[in-house]
Amino acid sequence: MSIRRLFEWSLVTGCAAFALLGADAKPTAVQGVLIDKECSARAETRMVSGSNPHLEGGMLWAYTHDKKCLLMPACQRTGYGVFTYESNKFLAFDAAGNQKALALIQGSKKDDDMRVEVAGEIDGDKIKVTSLKLLP
C-alpha cells in the first residue's frame, strides 16, 4: 500500500470514527431553576463575614427569581441558564436554548416558581439545549 493510500485510508477511518463518537453523544437531563446570567451570580452560595457571619445565595435565592425579572431587558440580553439542584451551579444556555427559554417564559402563566428540566449536551459551564420544560 502506498503512503498516499495509507494516508487516505487513515483520514477516512478517522473521520468515520469521529462521526460515530458524535452520534453516540446522549443528552443529559438536569433540573433546577430557570435564571438569567445577570442574576446568576447572586444565586452562588457565598459566606458573608462580619459581626454575624452567614451564608447567602444558593438555591433559596434562585427560587425567589421570578418572571418579571426574567423578562427585564438587561436580563434578556445576558441570556438564560439553569441553576442546578444537583451541583448548585449555573449552566448557561446556547443561543437556541435562550430562544426556547424566552418563549417558555413569555408563554407561561406562572409568575414565579420557574423550576425546569433541561436536556442537552453539557460542556463545562454551558449546555446545548435540546429540550426545555417547566416543572409542575
N, C-alpha and C. Protein backbone atom coordinates (compact mmCIF):
# COMPACT_ATOMS: atom_id res chain seq x y z
N MET A 1 0.85 -1.16 0.00
CA MET A 1 0.00 0.00 0.00
C MET A 1 0.91 1.23 0.00
N SER A 2 0.58 2.18 -0.86
CA SER A 2 1.40 3.39 -0.96
C SER A 2 1.14 4.29 0.24
N ILE A 3 2.04 5.20 0.47
CA ILE A 3 1.92 6.15 1.57
C ILE A 3 0.65 6.99 1.38
N ARG A 4 0.39 7.39 0.15
CA ARG A 4 -0.80 8.20 -0.12
C ARG A 4 -2.07 7.42 0.22
N ARG A 5 -2.15 6.16 -0.21
CA ARG A 5 -3.31 5.32 0.07
C ARG A 5 -3.47 5.12 1.58
N LEU A 6 -2.39 4.90 2.27
CA LEU A 6 -2.41 4.72 3.71
C LEU A 6 -2.92 5.99 4.40
N PHE A 7 -2.47 7.14 3.93
CA PHE A 7 -2.92 8.41 4.48
C PHE A 7 -4.42 8.60 4.24
N GLU A 8 -4.88 8.34 2.99
CA GLU A 8 -6.30 8.48 2.66
C GLU A 8 -7.15 7.54 3.51
N TRP A 9 -6.70 6.32 3.66
CA TRP A 9 -7.44 5.34 4.46
C TRP A 9 -7.52 5.79 5.92
N SER A 10 -6.40 6.29 6.45
CA SER A 10 -6.37 6.78 7.83
C SER A 10 -7.31 7.97 8.01
N LEU A 11 -7.33 8.85 7.04
CA LEU A 11 -8.20 10.03 7.11
C LEU A 11 -9.67 9.62 7.08
N VAL A 12 -10.03 8.71 6.19
CA VAL A 12 -11.42 8.26 6.08
C VAL A 12 -11.87 7.54 7.36
N THR A 13 -11.05 6.63 7.86
CA THR A 13 -11.45 5.90 9.07
C THR A 13 -11.48 6.82 10.28
N GLY A 14 -10.58 7.78 10.32
CA GLY A 14 -10.58 8.74 11.43
C GLY A 14 -11.83 9.59 11.43
N CYS A 15 -12.25 10.07 10.26
CA CYS A 15 -13.48 10.86 10.14
C CYS A 15 -14.70 10.02 10.50
N ALA A 16 -14.71 8.77 10.06
CA ALA A 16 -15.84 7.89 10.38
C ALA A 16 -15.92 7.65 11.87
N ALA A 17 -14.80 7.43 12.53
CA ALA A 17 -14.79 7.21 13.98
C ALA A 17 -15.26 8.46 14.71
N PHE A 18 -14.83 9.63 14.26
CA PHE A 18 -15.23 10.88 14.87
C PHE A 18 -16.75 11.07 14.73
N ALA A 19 -17.30 10.77 13.56
CA ALA A 19 -18.74 10.89 13.33
C ALA A 19 -19.51 9.94 14.23
N LEU A 20 -19.01 8.74 14.40
CA LEU A 20 -19.68 7.78 15.27
C LEU A 20 -19.66 8.24 16.73
N LEU A 21 -18.56 8.81 17.17
CA LEU A 21 -18.49 9.33 18.54
C LEU A 21 -19.49 10.43 18.75
N GLY A 22 -19.63 11.32 17.78
CA GLY A 22 -20.60 12.40 17.88
C GLY A 22 -22.02 11.86 17.87
N ALA A 23 -22.27 10.80 17.13
CA ALA A 23 -23.62 10.23 17.05
C ALA A 23 -24.01 9.57 18.37
N ASP A 24 -23.03 9.10 19.14
CA ASP A 24 -23.32 8.44 20.39
C ASP A 24 -23.54 9.42 21.55
N ALA A 25 -23.25 10.71 21.34
CA ALA A 25 -23.42 11.69 22.41
C ALA A 25 -24.89 11.75 22.79
N LYS A 26 -25.15 11.52 24.06
CA LYS A 26 -26.53 11.50 24.52
C LYS A 26 -26.80 12.73 25.37
N PRO A 27 -27.98 13.32 25.18
CA PRO A 27 -28.32 14.47 26.00
C PRO A 27 -28.42 14.07 27.47
N THR A 28 -28.04 14.97 28.32
CA THR A 28 -28.15 14.80 29.75
C THR A 28 -29.31 15.66 30.23
N ALA A 29 -30.11 15.16 31.13
CA ALA A 29 -31.21 15.95 31.69
C ALA A 29 -30.81 16.46 33.07
N VAL A 30 -31.02 17.74 33.29
CA VAL A 30 -30.78 18.35 34.60
C VAL A 30 -32.02 19.13 35.01
N GLN A 31 -32.21 19.24 36.30
CA GLN A 31 -33.31 20.02 36.83
C GLN A 31 -32.76 21.13 37.69
N GLY A 32 -33.52 22.23 37.74
CA GLY A 32 -33.12 23.37 38.54
C GLY A 32 -34.06 24.52 38.32
N VAL A 33 -33.56 25.71 38.54
CA VAL A 33 -34.37 26.92 38.42
C VAL A 33 -33.87 27.73 37.23
N LEU A 34 -34.81 28.14 36.38
CA LEU A 34 -34.50 28.98 35.23
C LEU A 34 -34.12 30.37 35.75
N ILE A 35 -32.98 30.85 35.32
CA ILE A 35 -32.48 32.13 35.80
C ILE A 35 -31.65 32.77 34.69
N ASP A 36 -31.55 34.08 34.70
CA ASP A 36 -30.73 34.76 33.69
C ASP A 36 -29.30 34.87 34.18
N LYS A 37 -28.39 35.04 33.24
CA LYS A 37 -26.98 35.10 33.58
C LYS A 37 -26.67 36.31 34.47
N GLU A 38 -27.34 37.42 34.23
CA GLU A 38 -27.14 38.64 35.03
C GLU A 38 -27.36 38.36 36.51
N CYS A 39 -28.40 37.63 36.83
CA CYS A 39 -28.75 37.37 38.23
C CYS A 39 -28.11 36.10 38.80
N SER A 40 -27.49 35.31 37.95
CA SER A 40 -26.97 34.02 38.41
C SER A 40 -25.88 34.17 39.47
N ALA A 41 -25.12 35.24 39.43
CA ALA A 41 -24.05 35.44 40.42
C ALA A 41 -24.62 35.55 41.83
N ARG A 42 -25.82 36.11 41.96
CA ARG A 42 -26.45 36.23 43.28
C ARG A 42 -26.92 34.88 43.81
N ALA A 43 -27.07 33.91 42.92
CA ALA A 43 -27.51 32.58 43.35
C ALA A 43 -26.36 31.72 43.84
N GLU A 44 -25.13 32.13 43.55
CA GLU A 44 -23.98 31.36 44.01
C GLU A 44 -23.86 31.47 45.52
N THR A 45 -23.68 30.35 46.20
CA THR A 45 -23.55 30.34 47.65
C THR A 45 -22.23 30.97 48.05
N ARG A 46 -22.31 31.89 49.00
CA ARG A 46 -21.10 32.56 49.47
C ARG A 46 -21.21 32.86 50.96
N MET A 47 -20.08 32.97 51.61
CA MET A 47 -20.01 33.29 53.03
C MET A 47 -19.86 34.80 53.19
N VAL A 48 -20.72 35.38 54.02
CA VAL A 48 -20.64 36.80 54.32
C VAL A 48 -20.03 36.93 55.70
N SER A 49 -18.91 37.64 55.77
CA SER A 49 -18.23 37.80 57.06
C SER A 49 -18.76 39.05 57.76
N GLY A 50 -18.27 39.28 58.93
CA GLY A 50 -18.69 40.44 59.71
C GLY A 50 -19.09 40.01 61.10
N SER A 51 -19.87 40.86 61.77
CA SER A 51 -20.28 40.55 63.14
C SER A 51 -21.24 39.37 63.21
N ASN A 52 -21.95 39.11 62.12
CA ASN A 52 -22.89 37.99 62.07
C ASN A 52 -22.63 37.18 60.79
N PRO A 53 -21.56 36.37 60.76
CA PRO A 53 -21.24 35.62 59.54
C PRO A 53 -22.38 34.67 59.16
N HIS A 54 -22.66 34.61 57.86
CA HIS A 54 -23.74 33.74 57.38
C HIS A 54 -23.55 33.45 55.89
N LEU A 55 -24.30 32.46 55.43
CA LEU A 55 -24.30 32.11 54.01
C LEU A 55 -25.37 32.91 53.29
N GLU A 56 -25.09 33.29 52.04
CA GLU A 56 -26.07 33.95 51.19
C GLU A 56 -26.11 33.25 49.85
N GLY A 57 -27.19 33.49 49.14
CA GLY A 57 -27.32 32.93 47.79
C GLY A 57 -27.83 31.51 47.83
N GLY A 58 -27.42 30.75 46.87
CA GLY A 58 -27.82 29.36 46.79
C GLY A 58 -29.21 29.16 46.22
N MET A 59 -29.68 27.95 46.33
CA MET A 59 -30.96 27.57 45.74
C MET A 59 -32.12 28.38 46.31
N LEU A 60 -32.06 28.72 47.59
CA LEU A 60 -33.15 29.52 48.16
C LEU A 60 -33.27 30.87 47.45
N TRP A 61 -32.14 31.50 47.15
CA TRP A 61 -32.20 32.76 46.42
C TRP A 61 -32.72 32.52 45.01
N ALA A 62 -32.27 31.47 44.36
CA ALA A 62 -32.71 31.17 42.99
C ALA A 62 -34.23 31.01 42.93
N TYR A 63 -34.81 30.40 43.95
CA TYR A 63 -36.27 30.21 43.98
C TYR A 63 -37.02 31.53 43.99
N THR A 64 -36.41 32.58 44.50
CA THR A 64 -37.09 33.88 44.56
C THR A 64 -37.10 34.58 43.21
N HIS A 65 -36.36 34.09 42.27
CA HIS A 65 -36.28 34.70 40.94
C HIS A 65 -37.60 34.51 40.23
N ASP A 66 -38.14 35.58 39.64
CA ASP A 66 -39.48 35.49 39.05
C ASP A 66 -39.52 35.91 37.58
N LYS A 67 -40.70 35.75 37.01
CA LYS A 67 -40.92 36.03 35.59
C LYS A 67 -40.64 37.49 35.27
N LYS A 68 -41.04 38.39 36.16
CA LYS A 68 -40.84 39.82 35.93
C LYS A 68 -39.35 40.12 35.71
N CYS A 69 -38.50 39.55 36.54
CA CYS A 69 -37.06 39.77 36.40
C CYS A 69 -36.54 39.11 35.11
N LEU A 70 -36.98 37.90 34.84
CA LEU A 70 -36.51 37.18 33.65
C LEU A 70 -36.80 37.93 32.35
N LEU A 71 -37.88 38.74 32.35
CA LEU A 71 -38.27 39.46 31.15
C LEU A 71 -37.69 40.88 31.08
N MET A 72 -36.97 41.32 32.10
CA MET A 72 -36.34 42.64 32.05
C MET A 72 -35.32 42.66 30.90
N PRO A 73 -35.24 43.78 30.17
CA PRO A 73 -34.32 43.84 29.02
C PRO A 73 -32.88 43.48 29.37
N ALA A 74 -32.37 43.96 30.49
CA ALA A 74 -30.98 43.65 30.86
C ALA A 74 -30.79 42.16 31.09
N CYS A 75 -31.77 41.51 31.69
CA CYS A 75 -31.69 40.08 31.97
C CYS A 75 -31.81 39.27 30.68
N GLN A 76 -32.71 39.69 29.79
CA GLN A 76 -32.85 39.01 28.50
C GLN A 76 -31.56 39.10 27.69
N ARG A 77 -30.93 40.27 27.73
CA ARG A 77 -29.70 40.49 26.95
C ARG A 77 -28.57 39.55 27.36
N THR A 78 -28.47 39.24 28.66
CA THR A 78 -27.35 38.40 29.11
C THR A 78 -27.58 36.93 28.82
N GLY A 79 -28.82 36.54 28.56
CA GLY A 79 -29.12 35.14 28.26
C GLY A 79 -29.57 34.38 29.49
N TYR A 80 -30.00 33.16 29.27
CA TYR A 80 -30.58 32.34 30.33
C TYR A 80 -29.75 31.09 30.60
N GLY A 81 -30.13 30.43 31.67
CA GLY A 81 -29.50 29.18 32.03
C GLY A 81 -30.29 28.54 33.15
N VAL A 82 -29.73 27.49 33.71
CA VAL A 82 -30.38 26.78 34.80
C VAL A 82 -29.42 26.71 35.99
N PHE A 83 -29.94 27.05 37.17
CA PHE A 83 -29.19 26.87 38.41
C PHE A 83 -29.57 25.50 38.91
N THR A 84 -28.64 24.55 38.83
CA THR A 84 -28.97 23.13 39.00
C THR A 84 -29.12 22.71 40.45
N TYR A 85 -30.03 21.77 40.68
CA TYR A 85 -30.23 21.19 42.01
C TYR A 85 -29.02 20.37 42.42
N GLU A 86 -28.55 19.56 41.49
CA GLU A 86 -27.51 18.58 41.80
C GLU A 86 -26.19 19.22 42.23
N SER A 87 -25.74 20.21 41.47
CA SER A 87 -24.42 20.78 41.76
C SER A 87 -24.46 22.22 42.24
N ASN A 88 -25.66 22.79 42.32
CA ASN A 88 -25.80 24.19 42.73
C ASN A 88 -24.88 25.10 41.92
N LYS A 89 -24.89 24.90 40.61
CA LYS A 89 -24.10 25.77 39.74
C LYS A 89 -24.95 26.19 38.56
N PHE A 90 -24.54 27.27 37.93
CA PHE A 90 -25.26 27.83 36.80
C PHE A 90 -24.71 27.27 35.50
N LEU A 91 -25.60 26.72 34.68
CA LEU A 91 -25.24 26.26 33.33
C LEU A 91 -25.90 27.21 32.34
N ALA A 92 -25.09 27.93 31.57
CA ALA A 92 -25.60 28.88 30.59
C ALA A 92 -26.11 28.14 29.35
N PHE A 93 -27.23 28.63 28.79
CA PHE A 93 -27.80 28.05 27.59
C PHE A 93 -27.07 28.56 26.34
N ASP A 94 -27.11 27.75 25.29
CA ASP A 94 -26.63 28.18 23.99
C ASP A 94 -27.70 29.11 23.38
N ALA A 95 -27.45 29.64 22.18
CA ALA A 95 -28.37 30.59 21.54
C ALA A 95 -29.77 29.98 21.35
N ALA A 96 -29.83 28.73 20.89
CA ALA A 96 -31.13 28.08 20.70
C ALA A 96 -31.85 27.90 22.04
N GLY A 97 -31.10 27.58 23.08
CA GLY A 97 -31.67 27.43 24.41
C GLY A 97 -32.23 28.75 24.93
N ASN A 98 -31.53 29.85 24.64
CA ASN A 98 -32.03 31.17 25.04
C ASN A 98 -33.36 31.48 24.38
N GLN A 99 -33.49 31.14 23.10
CA GLN A 99 -34.75 31.36 22.39
C GLN A 99 -35.87 30.50 22.98
N LYS A 100 -35.55 29.24 23.30
CA LYS A 100 -36.55 28.35 23.91
C LYS A 100 -36.96 28.87 25.28
N ALA A 101 -35.99 29.37 26.04
CA ALA A 101 -36.29 29.88 27.38
C ALA A 101 -37.19 31.11 27.30
N LEU A 102 -36.89 32.03 26.40
CA LEU A 102 -37.70 33.24 26.27
C LEU A 102 -39.13 32.89 25.87
N ALA A 103 -39.29 31.97 24.93
CA ALA A 103 -40.63 31.54 24.52
C ALA A 103 -41.37 30.88 25.68
N LEU A 104 -40.65 30.08 26.46
CA LEU A 104 -41.25 29.40 27.61
C LEU A 104 -41.71 30.41 28.66
N ILE A 105 -40.86 31.39 28.94
CA ILE A 105 -41.19 32.42 29.94
C ILE A 105 -42.39 33.24 29.48
N GLN A 106 -42.35 33.69 28.24
CA GLN A 106 -43.44 34.52 27.72
C GLN A 106 -44.76 33.75 27.65
N GLY A 107 -44.70 32.47 27.38
CA GLY A 107 -45.91 31.66 27.27
C GLY A 107 -46.42 31.10 28.58
N SER A 108 -45.65 31.26 29.64
CA SER A 108 -46.04 30.68 30.93
C SER A 108 -47.06 31.55 31.66
N LYS A 109 -47.97 30.90 32.35
CA LYS A 109 -48.94 31.60 33.19
C LYS A 109 -48.39 31.79 34.61
N LYS A 110 -47.24 31.17 34.88
CA LYS A 110 -46.61 31.30 36.19
C LYS A 110 -45.91 32.65 36.30
N ASP A 111 -45.97 33.24 37.49
CA ASP A 111 -45.22 34.47 37.75
C ASP A 111 -43.94 34.18 38.52
N ASP A 112 -43.88 33.00 39.14
CA ASP A 112 -42.69 32.59 39.87
C ASP A 112 -42.61 31.07 39.81
N ASP A 113 -41.78 30.46 40.63
CA ASP A 113 -41.60 29.00 40.62
C ASP A 113 -41.21 28.51 39.23
N MET A 114 -40.11 29.03 38.74
CA MET A 114 -39.63 28.70 37.39
C MET A 114 -38.69 27.50 37.41
N ARG A 115 -39.15 26.41 38.06
CA ARG A 115 -38.36 25.18 38.06
C ARG A 115 -38.48 24.52 36.70
N VAL A 116 -37.35 24.06 36.17
CA VAL A 116 -37.33 23.50 34.82
C VAL A 116 -36.55 22.19 34.77
N GLU A 117 -36.81 21.46 33.69
CA GLU A 117 -35.97 20.32 33.32
C GLU A 117 -35.39 20.65 31.96
N VAL A 118 -34.07 20.53 31.85
CA VAL A 118 -33.36 20.87 30.62
C VAL A 118 -32.62 19.63 30.15
N ALA A 119 -32.77 19.31 28.88
CA ALA A 119 -31.99 18.22 28.28
C ALA A 119 -31.05 18.83 27.27
N GLY A 120 -29.83 18.32 27.24
CA GLY A 120 -28.86 18.82 26.29
C GLY A 120 -27.48 18.28 26.58
N GLU A 121 -26.53 18.73 25.80
CA GLU A 121 -25.15 18.30 25.96
C GLU A 121 -24.40 19.35 26.78
N ILE A 122 -23.85 18.92 27.92
CA ILE A 122 -23.13 19.81 28.81
C ILE A 122 -21.66 19.84 28.42
N ASP A 123 -21.14 21.06 28.32
CA ASP A 123 -19.73 21.26 28.02
C ASP A 123 -19.21 22.33 28.99
N GLY A 124 -18.59 21.89 30.06
CA GLY A 124 -18.10 22.83 31.07
C GLY A 124 -19.25 23.47 31.81
N ASP A 125 -19.38 24.79 31.68
CA ASP A 125 -20.46 25.50 32.36
C ASP A 125 -21.54 25.97 31.38
N LYS A 126 -21.63 25.27 30.24
CA LYS A 126 -22.63 25.59 29.22
C LYS A 126 -23.40 24.34 28.86
N ILE A 127 -24.64 24.55 28.38
CA ILE A 127 -25.45 23.42 27.93
C ILE A 127 -26.07 23.77 26.58
N LYS A 128 -25.91 22.86 25.64
CA LYS A 128 -26.53 22.99 24.33
C LYS A 128 -27.92 22.36 24.47
N VAL A 129 -28.93 23.19 24.54
CA VAL A 129 -30.29 22.76 24.90
C VAL A 129 -30.99 22.06 23.75
N THR A 130 -31.49 20.84 24.03
CA THR A 130 -32.33 20.14 23.07
C THR A 130 -33.79 20.21 23.46
N SER A 131 -34.06 20.28 24.77
CA SER A 131 -35.45 20.47 25.22
C SER A 131 -35.46 21.18 26.56
N LEU A 132 -36.55 21.89 26.79
CA LEU A 132 -36.71 22.69 28.00
C LEU A 132 -38.18 22.68 28.37
N LYS A 133 -38.48 22.34 29.63
CA LYS A 133 -39.88 22.36 30.06
C LYS A 133 -39.98 22.80 31.51
N LEU A 134 -41.09 23.50 31.81
CA LEU A 134 -41.37 23.88 33.19
C LEU A 134 -41.83 22.67 33.97
N LEU A 135 -41.45 22.59 35.22
CA LEU A 135 -41.92 21.51 36.09
C LEU A 135 -43.16 21.99 36.84
N PRO A 136 -44.08 21.07 37.09
CA PRO A 136 -45.30 21.46 37.80
C PRO A 136 -45.03 21.84 39.26
